[in-house]
Amino acid sequence: MHEVSLMENAVRMAVETARASGGARVHRIRLRVGAMSGVVPDALRFASDMVCQGTPAEGAQLEIEEVPATCWCAHCAVEFATPDFLGECPHCHAVSGELRRGTEMELASIEFS
């Protein structure tokens, strides 16, 4: 389960950022996770308590924004949601290989004091 190491890195970055800004406690960690990232949000939630234990982020609330996969149709000049990497434009039915969103796994924000 690579989500444990992903949470370890997110917590480490949150704690380092808080400390660098004079903070002592991390209260909230907000992640953005794309549908095509290969990351399972529920597994991140499961790992969060364990990883935060004994750190300045212990007890921090974890928020996960799930980002849907979105492709771009150059012919129609529109973005559209897609269930996979090669989406079919709902307007012209051309297959798009340009995935614009949905692969991200990022630390979006933290709250600390």
C-alpha atoms as a PDB file:
ATOM      1  CA  MET A   1       0.000   0.000   0.000  1.00  0.00           C
ATOM      2  CA  HIS A   2       1.963   3.006  -1.265  1.00  0.00           C
ATOM      3  CA  GLU A   3      -0.571   5.363   0.307  1.00  0.00           C
ATOM      4  CA  VAL A   4       1.259   4.997   3.640  1.00  0.00           C
ATOM      5  CA  SER A   5       4.478   6.392   2.158  1.00  0.00           C
ATOM      6  CA  LEU A   6       2.504   9.110   0.362  1.00  0.00           C
ATOM      7  CA  MET A   7       0.899  10.141   3.662  1.00  0.00           C
ATOM      8  CA  GLU A   8       4.296  10.041   5.381  1.00  0.00           C
ATOM      9  CA  ASN A   9       5.641  12.463   2.790  1.00  0.00           C
ATOM     10  CA  ALA A  10       2.577  14.730   2.980  1.00  0.00           C
ATOM     11  CA  VAL A  11       2.792  14.881   6.790  1.00  0.00           C
ATOM     12  CA  ARG A  12       6.557  15.494   6.664  1.00  0.00           C
ATOM     13  CA  MET A  13       6.069  18.368   4.206  1.00  0.00           C
ATOM     14  CA  ALA A  14       3.205  19.815   6.274  1.00  0.00           C
ATOM     15  CA  VAL A  15       5.231  19.692   9.498  1.00  0.00           C
ATOM     16  CA  GLU A  16       8.337  21.149   7.813  1.00  0.00           C
ATOM     17  CA  THR A  17       6.272  23.974   6.302  1.00  0.00           C
ATOM     18  CA  ALA A  18       4.594  24.732   9.623  1.00  0.00           C
ATOM     19  CA  ARG A  19       7.930  24.782  11.476  1.00  0.00           C
ATOM     20  CA  ALA A  20       9.567  26.966   8.824  1.00  0.00           C
ATOM     21  CA  SER A  21       6.745  29.472   9.326  1.00  0.00           C
ATOM     22  CA  GLY A  22       6.985  29.394  13.124  1.00  0.00           C
ATOM     23  CA  GLY A  23       4.148  26.928  13.684  1.00  0.00           C
ATOM     24  CA  ALA A  24       4.154  24.106  16.193  1.00  0.00           C
ATOM     25  CA  ARG A  25       0.968  22.155  15.388  1.00  0.00           C
ATOM     26  CA  VAL A  26      -0.638  21.098  12.116  1.00  0.00           C
ATOM     27  CA  HIS A  27      -4.437  21.163  12.375  1.00  0.00           C
ATOM     28  CA  ARG A  28      -5.555  20.378   8.826  1.00  0.00           C
ATOM     29  CA  ILE A  29      -3.966  18.801   5.772  1.00  0.00           C
ATOM     30  CA  ARG A  30      -5.712  19.173   2.429  1.00  0.00           C
ATOM     31  CA  LEU A  31      -4.728  16.923  -0.469  1.00  0.00           C
ATOM     32  CA  ARG A  32      -5.844  16.902  -4.101  1.00  0.00           C
ATOM     33  CA  VAL A  33      -6.009  13.382  -5.547  1.00  0.00           C
ATOM     34  CA  GLY A  34      -6.766  12.705  -9.207  1.00  0.00           C
ATOM     35  CA  ALA A  35      -9.001   9.851 -10.299  1.00  0.00           C
ATOM     36  CA  MET A  36      -6.198   8.539 -12.547  1.00  0.00           C
ATOM     37  CA  SER A  37      -3.382   9.010 -10.022  1.00  0.00           C
ATOM     38  CA  GLY A  38      -3.395   5.417  -8.823  1.00  0.00           C
ATOM     39  CA  VAL A  39      -3.924   6.672  -5.263  1.00  0.00           C
ATOM     40  CA  VAL A  40      -6.869   5.369  -3.231  1.00  0.00           C
ATOM     41  CA  PRO A  41      -8.352   8.169  -1.083  1.00  0.00           C
ATOM     42  CA  ASP A  42      -9.779   5.724   1.483  1.00  0.00           C
ATOM     43  CA  ALA A  43      -6.322   4.175   1.915  1.00  0.00           C
ATOM     44  CA  LEU A  44      -4.880   7.663   2.540  1.00  0.00           C
ATOM     45  CA  ARG A  45      -7.546   8.254   5.186  1.00  0.00           C
ATOM     46  CA  PHE A  46      -6.725   4.905   6.782  1.00  0.00           C
ATOM     47  CA  ALA A  47      -2.997   5.697   6.827  1.00  0.00           C
ATOM     48  CA  SER A  48      -3.426   9.254   8.093  1.00  0.00           C
ATOM     49  CA  ASP A  49      -4.009   8.556  11.798  1.00  0.00           C
ATOM     50  CA  MET A  50      -1.156   6.068  11.960  1.00  0.00           C
ATOM     51  CA  VAL A  51       1.302   8.336  10.154  1.00  0.00           C
ATOM     52  CA  CYS A  52       0.374  11.465  12.153  1.00  0.00           C
ATOM     53  CA  GLN A  53       0.717   9.709  15.501  1.00  0.00           C
ATOM     54  CA  GLY A  54       3.517  11.192  17.595  1.00  0.00           C
ATOM     55  CA  THR A  55       4.087  14.114  15.219  1.00  0.00           C
ATOM     56  CA  PRO A  56       3.009  17.773  15.377  1.00  0.00           C
ATOM     57  CA  ALA A  57       0.221  16.704  13.005  1.00  0.00           C
ATOM     58  CA  GLU A  58      -1.325  14.239  15.468  1.00  0.00           C
ATOM     59  CA  GLY A  59      -5.085  14.786  15.465  1.00  0.00           C
ATOM     60  CA  ALA A  60      -4.967  16.849  12.268  1.00  0.00           C
ATOM     61  CA  GLN A  61      -8.024  16.714  10.052  1.00  0.00           C
ATOM     62  CA  LEU A  62      -7.377  15.246   6.614  1.00  0.00           C
ATOM     63  CA  GLU A  63      -9.372  16.663   3.704  1.00  0.00           C
ATOM     64  CA  ILE A  64      -9.134  15.023   0.312  1.00  0.00           C
ATOM     65  CA  GLU A  65     -10.400  16.749  -2.795  1.00  0.00           C
ATOM     66  CA  GLU A  66     -10.991  14.101  -5.429  1.00  0.00           C
ATOM     67  CA  VAL A  67     -10.220  15.481  -8.893  1.00  0.00           C
ATOM     68  CA  PRO A  68     -12.098  13.866 -11.779  1.00  0.00           C
ATOM     69  CA  ALA A  69     -10.239  12.888 -14.932  1.00  0.00           C
ATOM     70  CA  THR A  70     -10.713  15.516 -17.624  1.00  0.00           C
ATOM     71  CA  CYS A  71      -9.656  15.355 -21.278  1.00  0.00           C
ATOM     72  CA  TRP A  72      -9.406  18.068 -23.907  1.00  0.00           C
ATOM     73  CA  CYS A  73     -10.953  17.894 -27.376  1.00  0.00           C
ATOM     74  CA  ALA A  74      -8.892  20.066 -29.724  1.00  0.00           C
ATOM     75  CA  HIS A  75     -11.562  19.837 -32.426  1.00  0.00           C
ATOM     76  CA  CYS A  76     -14.394  21.168 -30.237  1.00  0.00           C
ATOM     77  CA  ALA A  77     -12.130  23.200 -27.914  1.00  0.00           C
ATOM     78  CA  VAL A  78     -13.836  21.776 -24.814  1.00  0.00           C
ATOM     79  CA  GLU A  79     -12.825  19.848 -21.726  1.00  0.00           C
ATOM     80  CA  PHE A  80     -14.873  16.829 -20.735  1.00  0.00           C
ATOM     81  CA  ALA A  81     -14.922  14.266 -17.951  1.00  0.00           C
ATOM     82  CA  THR A  82     -13.638  10.835 -18.850  1.00  0.00           C
ATOM     83  CA  PRO A  83     -13.569   7.442 -17.126  1.00  0.00           C
ATOM     84  CA  ASP A  84     -10.128   6.547 -18.543  1.00  0.00           C
ATOM     85  CA  PHE A  85      -6.974   7.946 -20.160  1.00  0.00           C
ATOM     86  CA  LEU A  86      -8.369   7.994 -23.697  1.00  0.00           C
ATOM     87  CA  GLY A  87     -11.659   9.824 -23.486  1.00  0.00           C
ATOM     88  CA  GLU A  88     -14.208  10.159 -26.243  1.00  0.00           C
ATOM     89  CA  CYS A  89     -15.513  13.679 -26.755  1.00  0.00           C
ATOM     90  CA  PRO A  90     -19.254  13.712 -25.977  1.00  0.00           C
ATOM     91  CA  HIS A  91     -19.793  16.270 -28.767  1.00  0.00           C
ATOM     92  CA  CYS A  92     -17.841  15.020 -31.804  1.00  0.00           C
ATOM     93  CA  HIS A  93     -16.870  11.524 -30.538  1.00  0.00           C
ATOM     94  CA  ALA A  94     -13.193  12.036 -31.386  1.00  0.00           C
ATOM     95  CA  VAL A  95     -10.821  10.213 -29.065  1.00  0.00           C
ATOM     96  CA  SER A  96      -8.634  12.523 -27.016  1.00  0.00           C
ATOM     97  CA  GLY A  97      -5.267  11.501 -25.695  1.00  0.00           C
ATOM     98  CA  GLU A  98      -4.790  14.782 -23.834  1.00  0.00           C
ATOM     99  CA  LEU A  99      -5.574  14.219 -20.173  1.00  0.00           C
ATOM    100  CA  ARG A 100      -5.673  17.659 -18.562  1.00  0.00           C
ATOM    101  CA  ARG A 101      -6.578  16.743 -14.986  1.00  0.00           C
ATOM    102  CA  GLY A 102      -6.896  13.633 -12.926  1.00  0.00           C
ATOM    103  CA  THR A 103      -3.316  12.471 -12.383  1.00  0.00           C
ATOM    104  CA  GLU A 104      -2.425  14.847  -9.567  1.00  0.00           C
ATOM    105  CA  MET A 105      -1.475  13.930  -6.031  1.00  0.00           C
ATOM    106  CA  GLU A 106      -0.590  17.144  -4.250  1.00  0.00           C
ATOM    107  CA  LEU A 107      -0.476  18.800  -0.888  1.00  0.00           C
ATOM    108  CA  ALA A 108      -2.911  21.643  -1.573  1.00  0.00           C
ATOM    109  CA  SER A 109      -2.871  23.428   1.778  1.00  0.00           C
ATOM    110  CA  ILE A 110      -2.232  23.115   5.500  1.00  0.00           C
ATOM    111  CA  GLU A 111      -3.542  24.890   8.571  1.00  0.00           C
ATOM    112  CA  PHE A 112      -1.219  25.246  11.533  1.00  0.00           C
ATOM    113  CA  SER A 113      -0.580  27.316  14.605  1.00  0.00           C
END
